[in-house]
Each structure stands twice: as C-alpha cells, then as structure tokens.
Amino acid sequence: MSENQNSIFSRPLLFSVLVLAVILVGSIVTAFYPLARDDMHPRIEERTPYTAIEFAGRDVYLREGCVNCHTQTVRPLKSEVLRYGDYSKGGESADERPFLWGSRRTGPDLSRIGGKYIEEWHLQHFVNPQKFAAVSNMPKYTWLADRLVDASATETHMKGLGLEYAAEDMTALAEMTELQALAAYMLSIGRGVERLSLVEITYEDFDTNGNPASGQDGAAVRGRQLFVSECSGCHGIDAEGDLAMPLTGLGGTDMDEGYVFVTIAGGFEGMMPNFVSTMTRMQIGSIVEYLKTLNEDVVETPEEVTTDMGSAEPIE
C-alpha cells in the first residue's frame, strides 16, 4: 500500500471528523469563549435599572410596535453623531431583554431622547404628534390616556428578568395610565450616557460670524414657517406660549440677538432641543429674524412659502 493511500486525505470519514473538530475548537475559542468573559459585556455604572413605571412603559412601547419605526442605536458615523449624539455603546444594552436597536427609521432615533424634552412634551406628543411636527406620519395614541397599566403583567415581566421592585411600586403603578408609563420610559432612554455635542455655537462665534440672515428679504417670512414647523408645539403657533414661555414682544431694539441665536442653536438640557445639528446657520438666523418682528404688527405670510435657504452650508 502506497504512502498516499495511508494518508489522512485518503480516509474521508476520519478527515471529516478532524475538520469538524478543528472548526468546533476554532469557533469556541474565537466566538463562544469571548461571550462568556465579563469584559465582553461592559456596563455603564451610571445607568440604573428600570423602575416599575418605566418598565411598564417599555412594555407599551413594544406592544404598539414603536420599534418598527424608531431605532435605539446611533452608529459611529459623523452624520448620525451630529444629529443624534454620541454613538451607542454596548453597555447601554447590557440589561435589555429584548434589545430594541431596530432596523428602520421612519421616525428619528430615540437613543438620546431621555434628556431632550420634559415629561409634558412627551404626553402631548403621543396624543397629537402633528402638533409638534405637521408633516409627521406618526399615529395618535389618544386611547393610552384612558387605559390603566396592567400592574400584574408588569410584575410578572419584572420577576422574569430578575428586576427589583417594591410592593408599593406596583400599588402606585395600578393607578397610572399607559400614556404616563410610556412618557416615563421615554425619559429613561439614554440615562447614564454623557451628552455629547460635536457642534456648538458660542457667543464668540456669533460675534465673529453674526447672523447670515440679517437684513435679507423674506428672511422673517421663512423664519416664521420654520418656527411654525419646529417651535410652535412648545411656544404656540403665534408664539403665545404653551409648554414653553410666550415669545410675544421678544423682538425690538432691546432684543439680544446673539443670546437668541445661541439659545436656538444650543437649546436647554432636558427642556429644549438644540437645532445646531439639524439646521443651517441661515435657517437659525431666519428664525431670529422672525422673532425680531414679534413686537411689530404682523408678519404677512404668503400662501406658498419656500424653505429654500439658498446656498447655505450645514454647520460643521
């Protein structure tokens, strides 16, 4: 019998067993063993477990299929980090069962929504999303305000995941509506993650570059359209105030244009979102031009107004 006939390559059964063994060992070493190591499952120390009402809101979020339109993961791409904030870390999903990363953005990503708005904003937004964004195709969830949370179901789910809770938490939860629970869950998303903004406009920046829309024909009219689409949900259609303070009478010679410009760009943590990541300087400046007119008689708005801001470049 020749040497080749005695080799492993001439024995298909033995060869197949050895190949399978090598593949299994390689898979264990490179895939399964790392999954069992603690350092492969980092946790964010500042992130606290869900409370009973937050977890109940998460159940509502899953039941209503919100994950089908909203992601909860920011990819490490410049465009996403500029718009939504710091990219998602593994530790943010360490305790998520199931994780809610999602795969489609019919609506915006929600990874950093927790520190963006106040509770009342979320409550009103779920009841009437079009109040805050006229072009939104998000359905209204008015019935959630009339449905009480199923506290027993929430308790069962929390037990299954080993989450701690107190008896009084469940007693209080039984008197909460699903709308309140969903808003509480929104406020918890992204908790413990440091807020990151790669783009900022400071007073020094404004002193150097000024308002690019200042004195431009039609800037105030374009600014009003932007105000209605982006700001009226909180400040009212005519800036009369709603969730946020009224702005009527803000304009005039006493108006601190730099303060208003920087405030629109940077927002207020937990109260007002920043618009520096979604608007150009020209757009922000146009809103400022509209606000300048608020102590004047009327800014006439034609039937059709364009949002074209010319050749304005996004802020980088």
C-alpha atoms as a PDB file:
ATOM      1  CA  MET A   1       0.000   0.000   0.000  1.00  0.00           C
ATOM      2  CA  SER A   2       1.468   3.349  -1.021  1.00  0.00           C
ATOM      3  CA  GLU A   3       2.216   6.207   1.325  1.00  0.00           C
ATOM      4  CA  ASN A   4      -0.587   8.334  -0.238  1.00  0.00           C
ATOM      5  CA  GLN A   5      -3.106   5.587   0.470  1.00  0.00           C
ATOM      6  CA  ASN A   6      -2.123   5.662   4.158  1.00  0.00           C
ATOM      7  CA  SER A   7      -2.522   9.456   4.451  1.00  0.00           C
ATOM      8  CA  ILE A   8      -5.443  11.163   6.172  1.00  0.00           C
ATOM      9  CA  PHE A   9      -6.632  12.526   2.822  1.00  0.00           C
ATOM     10  CA  SER A  10      -7.436   9.020   1.653  1.00  0.00           C
ATOM     11  CA  ARG A  11      -9.727   8.416   4.639  1.00  0.00           C
ATOM     12  CA  PRO A  12     -12.801  10.621   4.120  1.00  0.00           C
ATOM     13  CA  LEU A  13     -14.560   9.734   7.374  1.00  0.00           C
ATOM     14  CA  LEU A  14     -11.526  10.428   9.563  1.00  0.00           C
ATOM     15  CA  PHE A  15     -10.727  13.578   7.588  1.00  0.00           C
ATOM     16  CA  SER A  16     -14.301  14.876   8.025  1.00  0.00           C
ATOM     17  CA  VAL A  17     -14.204  14.229  11.790  1.00  0.00           C
ATOM     18  CA  LEU A  18     -10.889  16.059  12.187  1.00  0.00           C
ATOM     19  CA  VAL A  19     -12.076  19.030  10.094  1.00  0.00           C
ATOM     20  CA  LEU A  20     -15.239  19.263  12.179  1.00  0.00           C
ATOM     21  CA  ALA A  21     -13.185  19.137  15.394  1.00  0.00           C
ATOM     22  CA  VAL A  22     -10.899  21.930  14.198  1.00  0.00           C
ATOM     23  CA  ILE A  23     -13.891  24.098  13.233  1.00  0.00           C
ATOM     24  CA  LEU A  24     -15.548  23.485  16.602  1.00  0.00           C
ATOM     25  CA  VAL A  25     -12.401  24.341  18.546  1.00  0.00           C
ATOM     26  CA  GLY A  26     -11.868  27.469  16.477  1.00  0.00           C
ATOM     27  CA  SER A  27     -15.474  28.554  16.983  1.00  0.00           C
ATOM     28  CA  ILE A  28     -15.267  28.049  20.740  1.00  0.00           C
ATOM     29  CA  VAL A  29     -12.007  29.982  21.043  1.00  0.00           C
ATOM     30  CA  THR A  30     -12.936  32.873  18.776  1.00  0.00           C
ATOM     31  CA  ALA A  31     -16.691  33.219  19.385  1.00  0.00           C
ATOM     32  CA  PHE A  32     -18.186  31.404  22.357  1.00  0.00           C
ATOM     33  CA  TYR A  33     -15.369  31.849  24.885  1.00  0.00           C
ATOM     34  CA  PRO A  34     -15.266  35.664  24.470  1.00  0.00           C
ATOM     35  CA  LEU A  35     -19.048  35.779  25.006  1.00  0.00           C
ATOM     36  CA  ALA A  36     -18.559  34.183  28.429  1.00  0.00           C
ATOM     37  CA  ARG A  37     -15.989  36.760  29.578  1.00  0.00           C
ATOM     38  CA  ASP A  38     -17.153  39.658  31.744  1.00  0.00           C
ATOM     39  CA  ASP A  39     -15.046  42.201  29.861  1.00  0.00           C
ATOM     40  CA  MET A  40     -17.083  41.459  26.736  1.00  0.00           C
ATOM     41  CA  HIS A  41     -20.216  42.721  28.485  1.00  0.00           C
ATOM     42  CA  PRO A  42     -19.358  46.243  29.676  1.00  0.00           C
ATOM     43  CA  ARG A  43     -21.892  48.039  31.834  1.00  0.00           C
ATOM     44  CA  ILE A  44     -22.442  51.729  32.317  1.00  0.00           C
ATOM     45  CA  GLU A  45     -22.252  52.408  36.049  1.00  0.00           C
ATOM     46  CA  GLU A  46     -24.461  55.491  35.846  1.00  0.00           C
ATOM     47  CA  ARG A  47     -27.254  53.514  34.184  1.00  0.00           C
ATOM     48  CA  THR A  48     -29.784  52.427  36.780  1.00  0.00           C
ATOM     49  CA  PRO A  49     -32.347  49.592  36.370  1.00  0.00           C
ATOM     50  CA  TYR A  50     -35.837  50.418  35.155  1.00  0.00           C
ATOM     51  CA  THR A  51     -38.404  51.470  37.710  1.00  0.00           C
ATOM     52  CA  ALA A  52     -41.815  49.785  37.631  1.00  0.00           C
ATOM     53  CA  ILE A  53     -43.471  52.583  35.641  1.00  0.00           C
ATOM     54  CA  GLU A  54     -40.568  52.818  33.194  1.00  0.00           C
ATOM     55  CA  PHE A  55     -40.670  49.092  32.584  1.00  0.00           C
ATOM     56  CA  ALA A  56     -44.440  49.226  32.097  1.00  0.00           C
ATOM     57  CA  GLY A  57     -43.885  51.958  29.524  1.00  0.00           C
ATOM     58  CA  ARG A  58     -41.340  49.769  27.771  1.00  0.00           C
ATOM     59  CA  ASP A  59     -43.969  47.034  27.500  1.00  0.00           C
ATOM     60  CA  VAL A  60     -46.360  49.561  25.912  1.00  0.00           C
ATOM     61  CA  TYR A  61     -43.582  50.629  23.517  1.00  0.00           C
ATOM     62  CA  LEU A  62     -43.128  47.009  22.427  1.00  0.00           C
ATOM     63  CA  ARG A  63     -46.839  46.275  22.186  1.00  0.00           C
ATOM     64  CA  GLU A  64     -47.563  49.294  19.989  1.00  0.00           C
ATOM     65  CA  GLY A  65     -44.735  48.423  17.610  1.00  0.00           C
ATOM     66  CA  CYS A  66     -42.765  51.639  18.135  1.00  0.00           C
ATOM     67  CA  VAL A  67     -39.580  49.700  17.406  1.00  0.00           C
ATOM     68  CA  ASN A  68     -40.802  49.226  13.830  1.00  0.00           C
ATOM     69  CA  CYS A  69     -40.381  52.954  13.126  1.00  0.00           C
ATOM     70  CA  HIS A  70     -37.768  54.085  15.668  1.00  0.00           C
ATOM     71  CA  THR A  71     -34.274  52.751  16.244  1.00  0.00           C
ATOM     72  CA  GLN A  72     -32.398  52.944  19.520  1.00  0.00           C
ATOM     73  CA  THR A  73     -28.866  52.743  18.243  1.00  0.00           C
ATOM     74  CA  VAL A  74     -26.634  55.501  16.922  1.00  0.00           C
ATOM     75  CA  ARG A  75     -23.994  54.188  14.555  1.00  0.00           C
ATOM     76  CA  PRO A  76     -20.447  55.634  14.760  1.00  0.00           C
ATOM     77  CA  LEU A  77     -20.939  57.745  11.644  1.00  0.00           C
ATOM     78  CA  LYS A  78     -20.373  61.501  11.570  1.00  0.00           C
ATOM     79  CA  SER A  79     -23.814  62.264  10.187  1.00  0.00           C
ATOM     80  CA  GLU A  80     -25.551  60.244  12.916  1.00  0.00           C
ATOM     81  CA  VAL A  81     -23.440  61.534  15.791  1.00  0.00           C
ATOM     82  CA  LEU A  82     -24.008  65.113  14.632  1.00  0.00           C
ATOM     83  CA  ARG A  83     -27.767  64.616  14.586  1.00  0.00           C
ATOM     84  CA  TYR A  84     -28.466  62.284  17.500  1.00  0.00           C
ATOM     85  CA  GLY A  85     -25.481  62.487  19.847  1.00  0.00           C
ATOM     86  CA  ASP A  86     -22.704  60.134  20.877  1.00  0.00           C
ATOM     87  CA  TYR A  87     -22.762  56.727  19.213  1.00  0.00           C
ATOM     88  CA  SER A  88     -24.263  53.801  21.136  1.00  0.00           C
ATOM     89  CA  LYS A  89     -22.113  51.706  23.483  1.00  0.00           C
ATOM     90  CA  GLY A  90     -22.515  48.015  24.268  1.00  0.00           C
ATOM     91  CA  GLY A  91     -23.110  48.741  27.944  1.00  0.00           C
ATOM     92  CA  GLU A  92     -26.310  50.593  27.143  1.00  0.00           C
ATOM     93  CA  SER A  93     -27.983  47.337  26.123  1.00  0.00           C
ATOM     94  CA  ALA A  94     -26.423  45.060  28.754  1.00  0.00           C
ATOM     95  CA  ASP A  95     -29.737  44.556  30.592  1.00  0.00           C
ATOM     96  CA  GLU A  96     -32.107  44.857  27.626  1.00  0.00           C
ATOM     97  CA  ARG A  97     -34.347  41.826  27.059  1.00  0.00           C
ATOM     98  CA  PRO A  98     -35.035  42.054  24.185  1.00  0.00           C
ATOM     99  CA  PHE A  99     -32.815  44.817  22.847  1.00  0.00           C
ATOM    100  CA  LEU A 100     -34.631  47.498  20.870  1.00  0.00           C
ATOM    101  CA  TRP A 101     -31.993  48.559  18.368  1.00  0.00           C
ATOM    102  CA  GLY A 102     -34.464  48.434  15.492  1.00  0.00           C
ATOM    103  CA  SER A 103     -33.616  48.465  11.813  1.00  0.00           C
ATOM    104  CA  ARG A 104     -35.809  51.163  10.253  1.00  0.00           C
ATOM    105  CA  ARG A 105     -36.098  54.900  10.869  1.00  0.00           C
ATOM    106  CA  THR A 106     -39.468  56.051   9.687  1.00  0.00           C
ATOM    107  CA  GLY A 107     -39.146  58.296  12.727  1.00  0.00           C
ATOM    108  CA  PRO A 108     -35.967  59.601  14.403  1.00  0.00           C
ATOM    109  CA  ASP A 109     -33.633  57.533  16.542  1.00  0.00           C
ATOM    110  CA  LEU A 110     -34.566  57.607  20.242  1.00  0.00           C
ATOM    111  CA  SER A 111     -31.253  56.636  21.862  1.00  0.00           C
ATOM    112  CA  ARG A 112     -30.778  60.106  23.365  1.00  0.00           C
ATOM    113  CA  ILE A 113     -34.406  61.189  23.723  1.00  0.00           C
ATOM    114  CA  GLY A 114     -34.350  60.915  27.523  1.00  0.00           C
ATOM    115  CA  GLY A 115     -32.670  64.229  28.219  1.00  0.00           C
ATOM    116  CA  LYS A 116     -34.174  66.163  25.347  1.00  0.00           C
ATOM    117  CA  TYR A 117     -37.718  67.071  26.436  1.00  0.00           C
ATOM    118  CA  ILE A 118     -39.798  67.437  29.572  1.00  0.00           C
ATOM    119  CA  GLU A 119     -42.477  64.907  30.520  1.00  0.00           C
ATOM    120  CA  GLU A 120     -45.372  67.121  29.416  1.00  0.00           C
ATOM    121  CA  TRP A 121     -43.883  67.334  25.931  1.00  0.00           C
ATOM    122  CA  HIS A 122     -43.997  63.547  25.604  1.00  0.00           C
ATOM    123  CA  LEU A 123     -47.539  63.349  26.968  1.00  0.00           C
ATOM    124  CA  GLN A 124     -48.829  65.853  24.436  1.00  0.00           C
ATOM    125  CA  HIS A 125     -46.716  64.443  21.616  1.00  0.00           C
ATOM    126  CA  PHE A 126     -48.204  60.953  21.951  1.00  0.00           C
ATOM    127  CA  VAL A 127     -51.714  62.401  21.929  1.00  0.00           C
ATOM    128  CA  ASN A 128     -51.070  64.613  18.894  1.00  0.00           C
ATOM    129  CA  PRO A 129     -47.680  64.226  17.149  1.00  0.00           C
ATOM    130  CA  GLN A 130     -48.702  66.653  14.379  1.00  0.00           C
ATOM    131  CA  LYS A 131     -48.842  69.484  16.901  1.00  0.00           C
ATOM    132  CA  PHE A 132     -45.052  69.318  17.099  1.00  0.00           C
ATOM    133  CA  ALA A 133     -44.315  68.291  13.511  1.00  0.00           C
ATOM    134  CA  ALA A 134     -47.069  68.934  10.982  1.00  0.00           C
ATOM    135  CA  VAL A 135     -45.553  66.514   8.445  1.00  0.00           C
ATOM    136  CA  SER A 136     -45.251  63.651  10.948  1.00  0.00           C
ATOM    137  CA  ASN A 137     -46.962  60.407   9.910  1.00  0.00           C
ATOM    138  CA  MET A 138     -46.896  59.058  13.462  1.00  0.00           C
ATOM    139  CA  PRO A 139     -50.358  57.917  14.591  1.00  0.00           C
ATOM    140  CA  LYS A 140     -52.099  59.486  17.571  1.00  0.00           C
ATOM    141  CA  TYR A 141     -52.179  57.398  20.734  1.00  0.00           C
ATOM    142  CA  THR A 142     -55.056  59.178  22.427  1.00  0.00           C
ATOM    143  CA  TRP A 143     -56.528  55.980  23.903  1.00  0.00           C
ATOM    144  CA  LEU A 144     -53.437  55.411  26.052  1.00  0.00           C
ATOM    145  CA  ALA A 145     -54.629  58.224  28.320  1.00  0.00           C
ATOM    146  CA  ASP A 146     -57.745  56.162  29.149  1.00  0.00           C
ATOM    147  CA  ARG A 147     -56.058  52.794  29.739  1.00  0.00           C
ATOM    148  CA  LEU A 148     -54.642  51.899  33.152  1.00  0.00           C
ATOM    149  CA  VAL A 149     -51.411  49.950  33.344  1.00  0.00           C
ATOM    150  CA  ASP A 150     -51.746  46.215  33.918  1.00  0.00           C
ATOM    151  CA  ALA A 151     -49.631  46.124  37.059  1.00  0.00           C
ATOM    152  CA  SER A 152     -49.847  42.341  37.440  1.00  0.00           C
ATOM    153  CA  ALA A 153     -48.438  41.791  33.943  1.00  0.00           C
ATOM    154  CA  THR A 154     -45.629  44.276  34.637  1.00  0.00           C
ATOM    155  CA  GLU A 155     -44.817  42.493  37.904  1.00  0.00           C
ATOM    156  CA  THR A 156     -44.654  39.136  36.110  1.00  0.00           C
ATOM    157  CA  HIS A 157     -42.299  40.524  33.455  1.00  0.00           C
ATOM    158  CA  MET A 158     -40.033  42.165  36.027  1.00  0.00           C
ATOM    159  CA  LYS A 159     -39.824  38.930  38.030  1.00  0.00           C
ATOM    160  CA  GLY A 160     -38.905  37.018  34.898  1.00  0.00           C
ATOM    161  CA  LEU A 161     -35.989  39.359  34.248  1.00  0.00           C
ATOM    162  CA  GLY A 162     -34.888  39.495  37.879  1.00  0.00           C
ATOM    163  CA  LEU A 163     -35.619  43.217  38.269  1.00  0.00           C
ATOM    164  CA  GLU A 164     -36.214  44.502  41.765  1.00  0.00           C
ATOM    165  CA  TYR A 165     -39.317  46.393  42.787  1.00  0.00           C
ATOM    166  CA  ALA A 166     -41.287  47.235  45.918  1.00  0.00           C
ATOM    167  CA  ALA A 167     -44.893  46.297  46.653  1.00  0.00           C
ATOM    168  CA  GLU A 168     -45.831  49.959  46.911  1.00  0.00           C
ATOM    169  CA  ASP A 169     -44.425  50.492  43.395  1.00  0.00           C
ATOM    170  CA  MET A 170     -46.982  48.075  41.987  1.00  0.00           C
ATOM    171  CA  THR A 171     -49.777  49.627  44.048  1.00  0.00           C
ATOM    172  CA  ALA A 172     -48.957  53.062  42.640  1.00  0.00           C
ATOM    173  CA  LEU A 173     -48.492  51.634  39.139  1.00  0.00           C
ATOM    174  CA  ALA A 174     -52.042  50.283  39.075  1.00  0.00           C
ATOM    175  CA  GLU A 175     -53.309  53.888  39.170  1.00  0.00           C
ATOM    176  CA  MET A 176     -51.104  55.073  36.290  1.00  0.00           C
ATOM    177  CA  THR A 177     -52.217  55.317  32.680  1.00  0.00           C
ATOM    178  CA  GLU A 178     -50.321  53.714  29.845  1.00  0.00           C
ATOM    179  CA  LEU A 179     -49.670  57.201  28.479  1.00  0.00           C
ATOM    180  CA  GLN A 180     -47.877  58.193  31.697  1.00  0.00           C
ATOM    181  CA  ALA A 181     -45.902  54.943  31.642  1.00  0.00           C
ATOM    182  CA  LEU A 182     -44.818  55.452  28.027  1.00  0.00           C
ATOM    183  CA  ALA A 183     -43.690  59.013  28.798  1.00  0.00           C
ATOM    184  CA  ALA A 184     -41.708  57.725  31.810  1.00  0.00           C
ATOM    185  CA  TYR A 185     -39.981  55.188  29.574  1.00  0.00           C
ATOM    186  CA  MET A 186     -39.060  57.920  27.072  1.00  0.00           C
ATOM    187  CA  LEU A 187     -37.441  59.932  29.863  1.00  0.00           C
ATOM    188  CA  SER A 188     -35.346  56.916  30.872  1.00  0.00           C
ATOM    189  CA  ILE A 189     -33.841  56.163  27.453  1.00  0.00           C
ATOM    190  CA  GLY A 190     -30.171  57.081  27.311  1.00  0.00           C
ATOM    191  CA  ARG A 191     -29.979  57.643  31.053  1.00  0.00           C
ATOM    192  CA  GLY A 192     -26.439  57.463  32.346  1.00  0.00           C
ATOM    193  CA  VAL A 193     -24.866  58.368  28.991  1.00  0.00           C
ATOM    194  CA  GLU A 194     -22.939  61.617  28.857  1.00  0.00           C
ATOM    195  CA  ARG A 195     -24.468  64.127  26.484  1.00  0.00           C
ATOM    196  CA  LEU A 196     -22.218  64.858  23.555  1.00  0.00           C
ATOM    197  CA  SER A 197     -22.482  67.645  21.026  1.00  0.00           C
ATOM    198  CA  LEU A 198     -19.852  67.796  18.324  1.00  0.00           C
ATOM    199  CA  VAL A 199     -21.101  71.165  17.105  1.00  0.00           C
ATOM    200  CA  GLU A 200     -21.590  74.259  19.222  1.00  0.00           C
ATOM    201  CA  ILE A 201     -22.200  77.907  18.513  1.00  0.00           C
ATOM    202  CA  THR A 202     -20.817  80.204  21.179  1.00  0.00           C
ATOM    203  CA  TYR A 203     -21.211  83.934  21.755  1.00  0.00           C
ATOM    204  CA  GLU A 204     -17.677  84.392  20.426  1.00  0.00           C
ATOM    205  CA  ASP A 205     -18.685  82.538  17.277  1.00  0.00           C
ATOM    206  CA  PHE A 206     -21.737  84.766  16.867  1.00  0.00           C
ATOM    207  CA  ASP A 207     -19.650  87.896  17.436  1.00  0.00           C
ATOM    208  CA  THR A 208     -17.330  86.744  14.648  1.00  0.00           C
ATOM    209  CA  ASN A 209     -19.852  85.491  12.089  1.00  0.00           C
ATOM    210  CA  GLY A 210     -23.084  87.259  13.055  1.00  0.00           C
ATOM    211  CA  ASN A 211     -26.497  86.336  11.695  1.00  0.00           C
ATOM    212  CA  PRO A 212     -26.257  85.389   7.990  1.00  0.00           C
ATOM    213  CA  ALA A 213     -29.999  86.070   7.515  1.00  0.00           C
ATOM    214  CA  SER A 214     -29.898  89.576   8.945  1.00  0.00           C
ATOM    215  CA  GLY A 215     -31.479  92.095   6.574  1.00  0.00           C
ATOM    216  CA  GLN A 216     -32.273  89.527   3.873  1.00  0.00           C
ATOM    217  CA  ASP A 217     -35.548  89.923   2.001  1.00  0.00           C
ATOM    218  CA  GLY A 218     -38.085  87.335   3.085  1.00  0.00           C
ATOM    219  CA  ALA A 219     -35.949  86.004   5.938  1.00  0.00           C
ATOM    220  CA  ALA A 220     -38.614  86.759   8.553  1.00  0.00           C
ATOM    221  CA  VAL A 221     -41.282  85.035   6.456  1.00  0.00           C
ATOM    222  CA  ARG A 222     -39.113  81.938   6.028  1.00  0.00           C
ATOM    223  CA  GLY A 223     -38.297  82.131   9.705  1.00  0.00           C
ATOM    224  CA  ARG A 224     -41.969  82.086  10.628  1.00  0.00           C
ATOM    225  CA  GLN A 225     -42.517  78.961   8.560  1.00  0.00           C
ATOM    226  CA  LEU A 226     -39.613  77.259  10.306  1.00  0.00           C
ATOM    227  CA  PHE A 227     -40.912  78.482  13.666  1.00  0.00           C
ATOM    228  CA  VAL A 228     -44.356  77.000  12.996  1.00  0.00           C
ATOM    229  CA  SER A 229     -42.923  73.635  11.911  1.00  0.00           C
ATOM    230  CA  GLU A 230     -40.214  73.325  14.573  1.00  0.00           C
ATOM    231  CA  CYS A 231     -41.081  75.548  17.539  1.00  0.00           C
ATOM    232  CA  SER A 232     -44.831  76.103  17.696  1.00  0.00           C
ATOM    233  CA  GLY A 233     -45.519  72.816  19.510  1.00  0.00           C
ATOM    234  CA  CYS A 234     -43.957  74.314  22.640  1.00  0.00           C
ATOM    235  CA  HIS A 235     -44.202  78.071  22.063  1.00  0.00           C
ATOM    236  CA  GLY A 236     -47.558  78.198  20.247  1.00  0.00           C
ATOM    237  CA  ILE A 237     -48.411  78.952  16.611  1.00  0.00           C
ATOM    238  CA  ASP A 238     -48.156  82.711  17.185  1.00  0.00           C
ATOM    239  CA  ALA A 239     -45.521  82.446  19.926  1.00  0.00           C
ATOM    240  CA  GLU A 240     -48.243  82.955  22.522  1.00  0.00           C
ATOM    241  CA  GLY A 241     -46.780  80.221  24.721  1.00  0.00           C
ATOM    242  CA  ASP A 242     -47.863  76.682  25.519  1.00  0.00           C
ATOM    243  CA  LEU A 243     -45.465  74.181  27.043  1.00  0.00           C
ATOM    244  CA  ALA A 244     -42.755  76.828  26.926  1.00  0.00           C
ATOM    245  CA  MET A 245     -42.751  80.553  27.624  1.00  0.00           C
ATOM    246  CA  PRO A 246     -44.506  83.036  25.310  1.00  0.00           C
ATOM    247  CA  LEU A 247     -42.235  84.940  22.962  1.00  0.00           C
ATOM    248  CA  THR A 248     -44.603  87.735  22.001  1.00  0.00           C
ATOM    249  CA  GLY A 249     -42.877  91.036  22.480  1.00  0.00           C
ATOM    250  CA  LEU A 250     -39.431  89.452  22.342  1.00  0.00           C
ATOM    251  CA  GLY A 251     -38.317  91.492  19.337  1.00  0.00           C
ATOM    252  CA  GLY A 252     -37.424  95.127  19.021  1.00  0.00           C
ATOM    253  CA  THR A 253     -34.357  97.180  19.747  1.00  0.00           C
ATOM    254  CA  ASP A 254     -33.852  95.650  23.202  1.00  0.00           C
ATOM    255  CA  MET A 255     -33.588  92.098  21.873  1.00  0.00           C
ATOM    256  CA  ASP A 256     -30.239  90.388  22.499  1.00  0.00           C
ATOM    257  CA  GLU A 257     -29.845  88.833  19.052  1.00  0.00           C
ATOM    258  CA  GLY A 258     -26.729  86.877  19.996  1.00  0.00           C
ATOM    259  CA  TYR A 259     -28.422  85.308  23.018  1.00  0.00           C
ATOM    260  CA  VAL A 260     -31.447  84.244  20.967  1.00  0.00           C
ATOM    261  CA  PHE A 261     -29.277  82.834  18.156  1.00  0.00           C
ATOM    262  CA  VAL A 262     -27.075  80.830  20.546  1.00  0.00           C
ATOM    263  CA  THR A 263     -30.101  79.605  22.511  1.00  0.00           C
ATOM    264  CA  ILE A 264     -31.830  78.261  19.403  1.00  0.00           C
ATOM    265  CA  ALA A 265     -28.604  76.609  18.323  1.00  0.00           C
ATOM    266  CA  GLY A 266     -27.748  75.047  21.683  1.00  0.00           C
ATOM    267  CA  GLY A 267     -31.126  74.602  23.387  1.00  0.00           C
ATOM    268  CA  PHE A 268     -31.546  73.807  27.077  1.00  0.00           C
ATOM    269  CA  GLU A 269     -30.749  70.397  28.556  1.00  0.00           C
ATOM    270  CA  GLY A 270     -33.924  68.479  29.340  1.00  0.00           C
ATOM    271  CA  MET A 271     -36.184  71.306  28.172  1.00  0.00           C
ATOM    272  CA  MET A 272     -35.446  72.495  24.647  1.00  0.00           C
ATOM    273  CA  PRO A 273     -33.590  70.530  21.960  1.00  0.00           C
ATOM    274  CA  ASN A 274     -30.659  72.057  20.140  1.00  0.00           C
ATOM    275  CA  PHE A 275     -31.146  72.858  16.469  1.00  0.00           C
ATOM    276  CA  VAL A 276     -27.494  73.270  15.546  1.00  0.00           C
ATOM    277  CA  SER A 277     -27.386  69.641  14.379  1.00  0.00           C
ATOM    278  CA  THR A 278     -30.484  69.832  12.165  1.00  0.00           C
ATOM    279  CA  MET A 279     -30.469  73.385  10.792  1.00  0.00           C
ATOM    280  CA  THR A 280     -28.074  75.580   8.877  1.00  0.00           C
ATOM    281  CA  ARG A 281     -26.929  78.928  10.248  1.00  0.00           C
ATOM    282  CA  MET A 282     -29.154  80.552   7.665  1.00  0.00           C
ATOM    283  CA  GLN A 283     -32.213  78.727   8.983  1.00  0.00           C
ATOM    284  CA  ILE A 284     -31.439  79.567  12.598  1.00  0.00           C
ATOM    285  CA  GLY A 285     -30.835  83.162  11.573  1.00  0.00           C
ATOM    286  CA  SER A 286     -34.166  83.288   9.736  1.00  0.00           C
ATOM    287  CA  ILE A 287     -35.997  82.239  12.893  1.00  0.00           C
ATOM    288  CA  VAL A 288     -34.185  85.024  14.725  1.00  0.00           C
ATOM    289  CA  GLU A 289     -35.327  87.464  12.047  1.00  0.00           C
ATOM    290  CA  TYR A 290     -38.922  86.336  12.609  1.00  0.00           C
ATOM    291  CA  LEU A 291     -38.584  86.691  16.379  1.00  0.00           C
ATOM    292  CA  LYS A 292     -37.377  90.254  15.870  1.00  0.00           C
ATOM    293  CA  THR A 293     -40.806  91.118  14.463  1.00  0.00           C
ATOM    294  CA  LEU A 294     -42.853  89.811  17.356  1.00  0.00           C
ATOM    295  CA  ASN A 295     -43.438  93.233  18.865  1.00  0.00           C
ATOM    296  CA  GLU A 296     -44.456  94.620  15.492  1.00  0.00           C
ATOM    297  CA  ASP A 297     -47.940  94.439  13.993  1.00  0.00           C
ATOM    298  CA  VAL A 298     -47.964  91.405  11.688  1.00  0.00           C
ATOM    299  CA  VAL A 299     -45.578  89.447   9.515  1.00  0.00           C
ATOM    300  CA  GLU A 300     -47.611  88.625   6.426  1.00  0.00           C
ATOM    301  CA  THR A 301     -47.191  85.071   5.274  1.00  0.00           C
ATOM    302  CA  PRO A 302     -47.958  84.383   1.614  1.00  0.00           C
ATOM    303  CA  GLU A 303     -49.987  81.326   0.653  1.00  0.00           C
ATOM    304  CA  GLU A 304     -46.919  79.464  -0.529  1.00  0.00           C
ATOM    305  CA  VAL A 305     -43.605  79.954   1.203  1.00  0.00           C
ATOM    306  CA  THR A 306     -40.384  78.278   0.275  1.00  0.00           C
ATOM    307  CA  THR A 307     -37.914  76.833   2.773  1.00  0.00           C
ATOM    308  CA  ASP A 308     -35.078  77.187   0.281  1.00  0.00           C
ATOM    309  CA  MET A 309     -32.194  78.824   2.117  1.00  0.00           C
ATOM    310  CA  GLY A 310     -30.098  79.401  -0.942  1.00  0.00           C
ATOM    311  CA  SER A 311     -26.541  78.105  -0.819  1.00  0.00           C
ATOM    312  CA  ALA A 312     -26.265  77.997   2.948  1.00  0.00           C
ATOM    313  CA  GLU A 313     -23.968  75.207   4.082  1.00  0.00           C
ATOM    314  CA  PRO A 314     -24.747  72.993   7.093  1.00  0.00           C
ATOM    315  CA  ILE A 315     -22.719  73.800  10.177  1.00  0.00           C
ATOM    316  CA  GLU A 316     -19.627  71.680  10.506  1.00  0.00           C
END
